[in-house]
Amino acid sequence: MAQSGADMHHQHHQHHRPNKTFTNQAKLPKLPIPDLEDSCRRYLRALESLQDKDEHESTKRAVADFLHGDGPRVQERLKVWASTKDS
């Protein structure tokens, strides 16, 4: 009896060796979380040529609000989360 393509595909994956791509992931040094202010500066610089003057001023205000509002709290939560992850 002929096997369907799905059956052959399933059998192929049953005998396939595990992927070794992430085998040594835990041994890699952790990358640092970028500084919040630096990330915001880079974000604004990246958008500058893509926005007109009014859009960019609005974005700058939103970034300033983020930096003086939720940003530091979110940054700390990101650092805690990242500390529990492999690189």
PDB file of N, CA and C in Angstrom:
ATOM      1  N   MET A   1       0.837  -1.173   0.000  1.00  0.00           N
ATOM      2  CA  MET A   1       0.000   0.000   0.000  1.00  0.00           C
ATOM      3  C   MET A   1       0.884   1.240   0.000  1.00  0.00           C
ATOM      4  N   ALA A   2       0.569   2.212  -0.820  1.00  0.00           N
ATOM      5  CA  ALA A   2       1.364   3.438  -0.941  1.00  0.00           C
ATOM      6  C   ALA A   2       1.101   4.354   0.245  1.00  0.00           C
ATOM      7  N   GLN A   3       2.156   5.032   0.684  1.00  0.00           N
ATOM      8  CA  GLN A   3       2.016   5.977   1.794  1.00  0.00           C
ATOM      9  C   GLN A   3       1.692   7.361   1.251  1.00  0.00           C
ATOM     10  N   SER A   4       0.902   8.088   2.000  1.00  0.00           N
ATOM     11  CA  SER A   4       0.609   9.463   1.593  1.00  0.00           C
ATOM     12  C   SER A   4       1.811  10.338   1.900  1.00  0.00           C
ATOM     13  N   GLY A   5       1.829  11.516   1.295  1.00  0.00           N
ATOM     14  CA  GLY A   5       2.902  12.474   1.563  1.00  0.00           C
ATOM     15  C   GLY A   5       2.968  12.847   3.034  1.00  0.00           C
ATOM     16  N   ALA A   6       1.805  12.956   3.669  1.00  0.00           N
ATOM     17  CA  ALA A   6       1.761  13.322   5.086  1.00  0.00           C
ATOM     18  C   ALA A   6       2.395  12.224   5.939  1.00  0.00           C
ATOM     19  N   ASP A   7       2.123  10.939   5.586  1.00  0.00           N
ATOM     20  CA  ASP A   7       2.709   9.832   6.336  1.00  0.00           C
ATOM     21  C   ASP A   7       4.228   9.816   6.199  1.00  0.00           C
ATOM     22  N   MET A   8       4.707  10.026   4.972  1.00  0.00           N
ATOM     23  CA  MET A   8       6.156  10.046   4.746  1.00  0.00           C
ATOM     24  C   MET A   8       6.798  11.216   5.483  1.00  0.00           C
ATOM     25  N   HIS A   9       6.128  12.377   5.474  1.00  0.00           N
ATOM     26  CA  HIS A   9       6.637  13.557   6.169  1.00  0.00           C
ATOM     27  C   HIS A   9       6.729  13.266   7.672  1.00  0.00           C
ATOM     28  N   HIS A  10       5.692  12.636   8.231  1.00  0.00           N
ATOM     29  CA  HIS A  10       5.669  12.313   9.654  1.00  0.00           C
ATOM     30  C   HIS A  10       6.795  11.343  10.005  1.00  0.00           C
ATOM     31  N   GLN A  11       6.978  10.305   9.175  1.00  0.00           N
ATOM     32  CA  GLN A  11       8.038   9.331   9.429  1.00  0.00           C
ATOM     33  C   GLN A  11       9.407   9.985   9.353  1.00  0.00           C
ATOM     34  N   HIS A  12       9.579  10.897   8.409  1.00  0.00           N
ATOM     35  CA  HIS A  12      10.863  11.589   8.275  1.00  0.00           C
ATOM     36  C   HIS A  12      11.199  12.339   9.561  1.00  0.00           C
ATOM     37  N   HIS A  13      10.218  13.014  10.128  1.00  0.00           N
ATOM     38  CA  HIS A  13      10.471  13.793  11.334  1.00  0.00           C
ATOM     39  C   HIS A  13      10.612  12.928  12.574  1.00  0.00           C
ATOM     40  N   GLN A  14      10.060  11.726  12.574  1.00  0.00           N
ATOM     41  CA  GLN A  14      10.240  10.839  13.719  1.00  0.00           C
ATOM     42  C   GLN A  14      11.679  10.365  13.813  1.00  0.00           C
ATOM     43  N   HIS A  15      12.350  10.231  12.681  1.00  0.00           N
ATOM     44  CA  HIS A  15      13.716   9.719  12.662  1.00  0.00           C
ATOM     45  C   HIS A  15      14.746  10.830  12.562  1.00  0.00           C
ATOM     46  N   HIS A  16      14.310  12.054  12.482  1.00  0.00           N
ATOM     47  CA  HIS A  16      15.207  13.196  12.357  1.00  0.00           C
ATOM     48  C   HIS A  16      15.849  13.489  13.704  1.00  0.00           C
ATOM     49  N   ARG A  17      17.155  13.721  13.716  1.00  0.00           N
ATOM     50  CA  ARG A  17      17.844  14.047  14.962  1.00  0.00           C
ATOM     51  C   ARG A  17      17.414  15.423  15.468  1.00  0.00           C
ATOM     52  N   PRO A  18      17.444  15.637  16.770  1.00  0.00           N
ATOM     53  CA  PRO A  18      17.053  16.938  17.323  1.00  0.00           C
ATOM     54  C   PRO A  18      17.946  18.056  16.785  1.00  0.00           C
ATOM     55  N   ASN A  19      17.383  19.221  16.668  1.00  0.00           N
ATOM     56  CA  ASN A  19      18.110  20.394  16.187  1.00  0.00           C
ATOM     57  C   ASN A  19      19.143  20.816  17.226  1.00  0.00           C
ATOM     58  N   LYS A  20      20.363  21.048  16.779  1.00  0.00           N
ATOM     59  CA  LYS A  20      21.440  21.411  17.694  1.00  0.00           C
ATOM     60  C   LYS A  20      21.677  22.919  17.744  1.00  0.00           C
ATOM     61  N   THR A  21      20.847  23.694  17.075  1.00  0.00           N
ATOM     62  CA  THR A  21      21.055  25.134  16.985  1.00  0.00           C
ATOM     63  C   THR A  21      21.176  25.788  18.353  1.00  0.00           C
ATOM     64  N   PHE A  22      20.336  25.415  19.291  1.00  0.00           N
ATOM     65  CA  PHE A  22      20.310  26.084  20.591  1.00  0.00           C
ATOM     66  C   PHE A  22      20.922  25.249  21.709  1.00  0.00           C
ATOM     67  N   THR A  23      21.682  24.224  21.361  1.00  0.00           N
ATOM     68  CA  THR A  23      22.258  23.316  22.349  1.00  0.00           C
ATOM     69  C   THR A  23      23.081  24.045  23.404  1.00  0.00           C
ATOM     70  N   ASN A  24      23.887  25.020  23.002  1.00  0.00           N
ATOM     71  CA  ASN A  24      24.777  25.719  23.934  1.00  0.00           C
ATOM     72  C   ASN A  24      24.265  27.103  24.314  1.00  0.00           C
ATOM     73  N   GLN A  25      23.003  27.352  24.078  1.00  0.00           N
ATOM     74  CA  GLN A  25      22.408  28.659  24.336  1.00  0.00           C
ATOM     75  C   GLN A  25      22.655  29.136  25.773  1.00  0.00           C
ATOM     76  N   ALA A  26      22.487  28.251  26.734  1.00  0.00           N
ATOM     77  CA  ALA A  26      22.631  28.630  28.152  1.00  0.00           C
ATOM     78  C   ALA A  26      24.070  29.004  28.499  1.00  0.00           C
ATOM     79  N   LYS A  27      25.029  28.581  27.688  1.00  0.00           N
ATOM     80  CA  LYS A  27      26.438  28.872  27.960  1.00  0.00           C
ATOM     81  C   LYS A  27      26.866  30.240  27.436  1.00  0.00           C
ATOM     82  N   LEU A  28      26.046  30.844  26.579  1.00  0.00           N
ATOM     83  CA  LEU A  28      26.393  32.148  26.024  1.00  0.00           C
ATOM     84  C   LEU A  28      26.221  33.240  27.064  1.00  0.00           C
ATOM     85  N   PRO A  29      27.061  34.277  27.000  1.00  0.00           N
ATOM     86  CA  PRO A  29      26.864  35.385  27.943  1.00  0.00           C
ATOM     87  C   PRO A  29      25.563  36.115  27.617  1.00  0.00           C
ATOM     88  N   LYS A  30      24.925  36.607  28.650  1.00  0.00           N
ATOM     89  CA  LYS A  30      23.688  37.364  28.439  1.00  0.00           C
ATOM     90  C   LYS A  30      24.027  38.721  27.838  1.00  0.00           C
ATOM     91  N   LEU A  31      23.204  39.134  26.888  1.00  0.00           N
ATOM     92  CA  LEU A  31      23.374  40.466  26.320  1.00  0.00           C
ATOM     93  C   LEU A  31      22.749  41.475  27.278  1.00  0.00           C
ATOM     94  N   PRO A  32      23.375  42.633  27.422  1.00  0.00           N
ATOM     95  CA  PRO A  32      22.818  43.626  28.338  1.00  0.00           C
ATOM     96  C   PRO A  32      21.537  44.244  27.775  1.00  0.00           C
ATOM     97  N   ILE A  33      20.665  44.672  28.663  1.00  0.00           N
ATOM     98  CA  ILE A  33      19.477  45.412  28.254  1.00  0.00           C
ATOM     99  C   ILE A  33      19.953  46.833  27.942  1.00  0.00           C
ATOM    100  N   PRO A  34      19.663  47.346  26.753  1.00  0.00           N
ATOM    101  CA  PRO A  34      20.124  48.697  26.410  1.00  0.00           C
ATOM    102  C   PRO A  34      19.536  49.749  27.348  1.00  0.00           C
ATOM    103  N   ASP A  35      20.277  50.807  27.544  1.00  0.00           N
ATOM    104  CA  ASP A  35      19.835  51.939  28.348  1.00  0.00           C
ATOM    105  C   ASP A  35      18.553  52.523  27.753  1.00  0.00           C
ATOM    106  N   LEU A  36      17.581  52.818  28.591  1.00  0.00           N
ATOM    107  CA  LEU A  36      16.290  53.315  28.124  1.00  0.00           C
ATOM    108  C   LEU A  36      16.420  54.635  27.364  1.00  0.00           C
ATOM    109  N   GLU A  37      17.165  55.569  27.909  1.00  0.00           N
ATOM    110  CA  GLU A  37      17.317  56.870  27.254  1.00  0.00           C
ATOM    111  C   GLU A  37      18.002  56.714  25.900  1.00  0.00           C
ATOM    112  N   ASP A  38      19.028  55.870  25.841  1.00  0.00           N
ATOM    113  CA  ASP A  38      19.729  55.637  24.575  1.00  0.00           C
ATOM    114  C   ASP A  38      18.799  54.994  23.548  1.00  0.00           C
ATOM    115  N   SER A  39      17.996  54.030  23.994  1.00  0.00           N
ATOM    116  CA  SER A  39      17.040  53.386  23.082  1.00  0.00           C
ATOM    117  C   SER A  39      16.048  54.409  22.530  1.00  0.00           C
ATOM    118  N   CYS A  40      15.592  55.297  23.387  1.00  0.00           N
ATOM    119  CA  CYS A  40      14.637  56.318  22.941  1.00  0.00           C
ATOM    120  C   CYS A  40      15.290  57.287  21.957  1.00  0.00           C
ATOM    121  N   ARG A  41      16.535  57.676  22.214  1.00  0.00           N
ATOM    122  CA  ARG A  41      17.266  58.554  21.275  1.00  0.00           C
ATOM    123  C   ARG A  41      17.408  57.870  19.910  1.00  0.00           C
ATOM    124  N   ARG A  42      17.771  56.598  19.921  1.00  0.00           N
ATOM    125  CA  ARG A  42      17.929  55.857  18.663  1.00  0.00           C
ATOM    126  C   ARG A  42      16.598  55.732  17.924  1.00  0.00           C
ATOM    127  N   TYR A  43      15.537  55.506  18.673  1.00  0.00           N
ATOM    128  CA  TYR A  43      14.199  55.405  18.091  1.00  0.00           C
ATOM    129  C   TYR A  43      13.829  56.709  17.396  1.00  0.00           C
ATOM    130  N   LEU A  44      14.043  57.820  18.083  1.00  0.00           N
ATOM    131  CA  LEU A  44      13.716  59.122  17.489  1.00  0.00           C
ATOM    132  C   LEU A  44      14.577  59.397  16.254  1.00  0.00           C
ATOM    133  N   ARG A  45      15.845  59.061  16.338  1.00  0.00           N
ATOM    134  CA  ARG A  45      16.742  59.276  15.193  1.00  0.00           C
ATOM    135  C   ARG A  45      16.294  58.437  13.992  1.00  0.00           C
ATOM    136  N   ALA A  46      15.865  57.209  14.243  1.00  0.00           N
ATOM    137  CA  ALA A  46      15.430  56.327  13.157  1.00  0.00           C
ATOM    138  C   ALA A  46      14.158  56.853  12.495  1.00  0.00           C
ATOM    139  N   LEU A  47      13.291  57.481  13.274  1.00  0.00           N
ATOM    140  CA  LEU A  47      12.025  57.971  12.726  1.00  0.00           C
ATOM    141  C   LEU A  47      12.126  59.351  12.088  1.00  0.00           C
ATOM    142  N   GLU A  48      13.147  60.084  12.433  1.00  0.00           N
ATOM    143  CA  GLU A  48      13.252  61.486  12.005  1.00  0.00           C
ATOM    144  C   GLU A  48      13.079  61.676  10.503  1.00  0.00           C
ATOM    145  N   SER A  49      13.731  60.876   9.708  1.00  0.00           N
ATOM    146  CA  SER A  49      13.647  61.044   8.259  1.00  0.00           C
ATOM    147  C   SER A  49      12.366  60.436   7.675  1.00  0.00           C
ATOM    148  N   LEU A  50      11.625  59.709   8.488  1.00  0.00           N
ATOM    149  CA  LEU A  50      10.394  59.074   8.013  1.00  0.00           C
ATOM    150  C   LEU A  50       9.142  59.875   8.360  1.00  0.00           C
ATOM    151  N   GLN A  51       9.300  60.907   9.177  1.00  0.00           N
ATOM    152  CA  GLN A  51       8.155  61.690   9.625  1.00  0.00           C
ATOM    153  C   GLN A  51       8.301  63.146   9.181  1.00  0.00           C
ATOM    154  N   ASP A  52       7.148  63.803   9.009  1.00  0.00           N
ATOM    155  CA  ASP A  52       7.238  65.239   8.778  1.00  0.00           C
ATOM    156  C   ASP A  52       7.483  65.903  10.138  1.00  0.00           C
ATOM    157  N   LYS A  53       7.698  67.217  10.118  1.00  0.00           N
ATOM    158  CA  LYS A  53       8.073  67.938  11.337  1.00  0.00           C
ATOM    159  C   LYS A  53       7.023  67.781  12.444  1.00  0.00           C
ATOM    160  N   ASP A  54       5.750  67.918  12.097  1.00  0.00           N
ATOM    161  CA  ASP A  54       4.687  67.811  13.101  1.00  0.00           C
ATOM    162  C   ASP A  54       4.609  66.401  13.695  1.00  0.00           C
ATOM    163  N   GLU A  55       4.708  65.391  12.836  1.00  0.00           N
ATOM    164  CA  GLU A  55       4.676  64.005  13.319  1.00  0.00           C
ATOM    165  C   GLU A  55       5.847  63.741  14.267  1.00  0.00           C
ATOM    166  N   HIS A  56       7.018  64.249  13.885  1.00  0.00           N
ATOM    167  CA  HIS A  56       8.198  63.993  14.698  1.00  0.00           C
ATOM    168  C   HIS A  56       8.103  64.712  16.043  1.00  0.00           C
ATOM    169  N   GLU A  57       7.573  65.921  16.047  1.00  0.00           N
ATOM    170  CA  GLU A  57       7.382  66.629  17.317  1.00  0.00           C
ATOM    171  C   GLU A  57       6.413  65.872  18.218  1.00  0.00           C
ATOM    172  N   SER A  58       5.361  65.329  17.626  1.00  0.00           N
ATOM    173  CA  SER A  58       4.393  64.537  18.389  1.00  0.00           C
ATOM    174  C   SER A  58       5.055  63.276  18.948  1.00  0.00           C
ATOM    175  N   THR A  59       5.886  62.639  18.143  1.00  0.00           N
ATOM    176  CA  THR A  59       6.602  61.435  18.592  1.00  0.00           C
ATOM    177  C   THR A  59       7.566  61.789  19.715  1.00  0.00           C
ATOM    178  N   LYS A  60       8.253  62.904  19.591  1.00  0.00           N
ATOM    179  CA  LYS A  60       9.184  63.324  20.645  1.00  0.00           C
ATOM    180  C   LYS A  60       8.450  63.571  21.964  1.00  0.00           C
ATOM    181  N   ARG A  61       7.269  64.153  21.894  1.00  0.00           N
ATOM    182  CA  ARG A  61       6.478  64.368  23.114  1.00  0.00           C
ATOM    183  C   ARG A  61       6.062  63.023  23.731  1.00  0.00           C
ATOM    184  N   ALA A  62       5.635  62.086  22.873  1.00  0.00           N
ATOM    185  CA  ALA A  62       5.226  60.764  23.366  1.00  0.00           C
ATOM    186  C   ALA A  62       6.408  60.039  24.015  1.00  0.00           C
ATOM    187  N   VAL A  63       7.584  60.153  23.423  1.00  0.00           N
ATOM    188  CA  VAL A  63       8.777  59.510  23.987  1.00  0.00           C
ATOM    189  C   VAL A  63       9.136  60.161  25.319  1.00  0.00           C
ATOM    190  N   ALA A  64       9.060  61.490  25.394  1.00  0.00           N
ATOM    191  CA  ALA A  64       9.347  62.181  26.657  1.00  0.00           C
ATOM    192  C   ALA A  64       8.355  61.750  27.736  1.00  0.00           C
ATOM    193  N   ASP A  65       7.076  61.642  27.375  1.00  0.00           N
ATOM    194  CA  ASP A  65       6.068  61.170  28.335  1.00  0.00           C
ATOM    195  C   ASP A  65       6.403  59.761  28.816  1.00  0.00           C
ATOM    196  N   PHE A  66       6.830  58.902  27.900  1.00  0.00           N
ATOM    197  CA  PHE A  66       7.197  57.531  28.245  1.00  0.00           C
ATOM    198  C   PHE A  66       8.398  57.524  29.187  1.00  0.00           C
ATOM    199  N   LEU A  67       9.416  58.338  28.870  1.00  0.00           N
ATOM    200  CA  LEU A  67      10.619  58.384  29.696  1.00  0.00           C
ATOM    201  C   LEU A  67      10.329  58.883  31.110  1.00  0.00           C
ATOM    202  N   HIS A  68       9.379  59.786  31.244  1.00  0.00           N
ATOM    203  CA  HIS A  68       9.071  60.356  32.556  1.00  0.00           C
ATOM    204  C   HIS A  68       7.857  59.696  33.197  1.00  0.00           C
ATOM    205  N   GLY A  69       7.275  58.711  32.515  1.00  0.00           N
ATOM    206  CA  GLY A  69       6.104  58.014  33.033  1.00  0.00           C
ATOM    207  C   GLY A  69       6.383  56.540  33.232  1.00  0.00           C
ATOM    208  N   ASP A  70       5.794  55.727  32.365  1.00  0.00           N
ATOM    209  CA  ASP A  70       5.890  54.266  32.496  1.00  0.00           C
ATOM    210  C   ASP A  70       7.250  53.682  32.121  1.00  0.00           C
ATOM    211  N   GLY A  71       8.054  54.410  31.367  1.00  0.00           N
ATOM    212  CA  GLY A  71       9.310  53.875  30.838  1.00  0.00           C
ATOM    213  C   GLY A  71      10.223  53.225  31.854  1.00  0.00           C
ATOM    214  N   PRO A  72      10.581  53.942  32.935  1.00  0.00           N
ATOM    215  CA  PRO A  72      11.494  53.328  33.914  1.00  0.00           C
ATOM    216  C   PRO A  72      10.929  52.061  34.550  1.00  0.00           C
ATOM    217  N   ARG A  73       9.629  52.049  34.832  1.00  0.00           N
ATOM    218  CA  ARG A  73       9.009  50.858  35.425  1.00  0.00           C
ATOM    219  C   ARG A  73       9.043  49.687  34.437  1.00  0.00           C
ATOM    220  N   VAL A  74       8.717  49.971  33.177  1.00  0.00           N
ATOM    221  CA  VAL A  74       8.743  48.935  32.143  1.00  0.00           C
ATOM    222  C   VAL A  74      10.170  48.425  31.941  1.00  0.00           C
ATOM    223  N   GLN A  75      11.137  49.335  31.981  1.00  0.00           N
ATOM    224  CA  GLN A  75      12.547  48.956  31.833  1.00  0.00           C
ATOM    225  C   GLN A  75      12.977  48.012  32.949  1.00  0.00           C
ATOM    226  N   GLU A  76      12.578  48.295  34.164  1.00  0.00           N
ATOM    227  CA  GLU A  76      12.929  47.423  35.289  1.00  0.00           C
ATOM    228  C   GLU A  76      12.274  46.052  35.152  1.00  0.00           C
ATOM    229  N   ARG A  77      11.036  46.029  34.721  1.00  0.00           N
ATOM    230  CA  ARG A  77      10.356  44.742  34.509  1.00  0.00           C
ATOM    231  C   ARG A  77      11.057  43.945  33.413  1.00  0.00           C
ATOM    232  N   LEU A  78      11.511  44.633  32.365  1.00  0.00           N
ATOM    233  CA  LEU A  78      12.249  43.972  31.290  1.00  0.00           C
ATOM    234  C   LEU A  78      13.544  43.360  31.823  1.00  0.00           C
ATOM    235  N   LYS A  79      14.248  44.092  32.670  1.00  0.00           N
ATOM    236  CA  LYS A  79      15.498  43.577  33.240  1.00  0.00           C
ATOM    237  C   LYS A  79      15.251  42.333  34.095  1.00  0.00           C
ATOM    238  N   VAL A  80      14.189  42.362  34.892  1.00  0.00           N
ATOM    239  CA  VAL A  80      13.847  41.198  35.717  1.00  0.00           C
ATOM    240  C   VAL A  80      13.505  40.019  34.832  1.00  0.00           C
ATOM    241  N   TRP A  81      12.664  40.244  33.821  1.00  0.00           N
ATOM    242  CA  TRP A  81      12.270  39.182  32.900  1.00  0.00           C
ATOM    243  C   TRP A  81      13.506  38.598  32.207  1.00  0.00           C
ATOM    244  N   ALA A  82      14.389  39.479  31.710  1.00  0.00           N
ATOM    245  CA  ALA A  82      15.574  39.020  30.968  1.00  0.00           C
ATOM    246  C   ALA A  82      16.519  38.222  31.861  1.00  0.00           C
ATOM    247  N   SER A  83      16.538  38.533  33.145  1.00  0.00           N
ATOM    248  CA  SER A  83      17.448  37.819  34.045  1.00  0.00           C
ATOM    249  C   SER A  83      17.073  36.349  34.200  1.00  0.00           C
ATOM    250  N   THR A  84      15.847  35.999  33.838  1.00  0.00           N
ATOM    251  CA  THR A  84      15.395  34.609  33.959  1.00  0.00           C
ATOM    252  C   THR A  84      15.524  33.837  32.648  1.00  0.00           C
ATOM    253  N   LYS A  85      16.027  34.487  31.594  1.00  0.00           N
ATOM    254  CA  LYS A  85      16.104  33.874  30.270  1.00  0.00           C
ATOM    255  C   LYS A  85      17.546  33.602  29.861  1.00  0.00           C
ATOM    256  N   ASP A  86      17.716  32.564  29.049  1.00  0.00           N
ATOM    257  CA  ASP A  86      19.011  32.323  28.432  1.00  0.00           C
ATOM    258  C   ASP A  86      19.234  33.367  27.348  1.00  0.00           C
ATOM    259  N   SER A  87      20.478  33.561  26.987  1.00  0.00           N
ATOM    260  CA  SER A  87      20.781  34.507  25.917  1.00  0.00           C
ATOM    261  C   SER A  87      20.187  34.068  24.615  1.00  0.00           C
TER     262      SER A  87
END
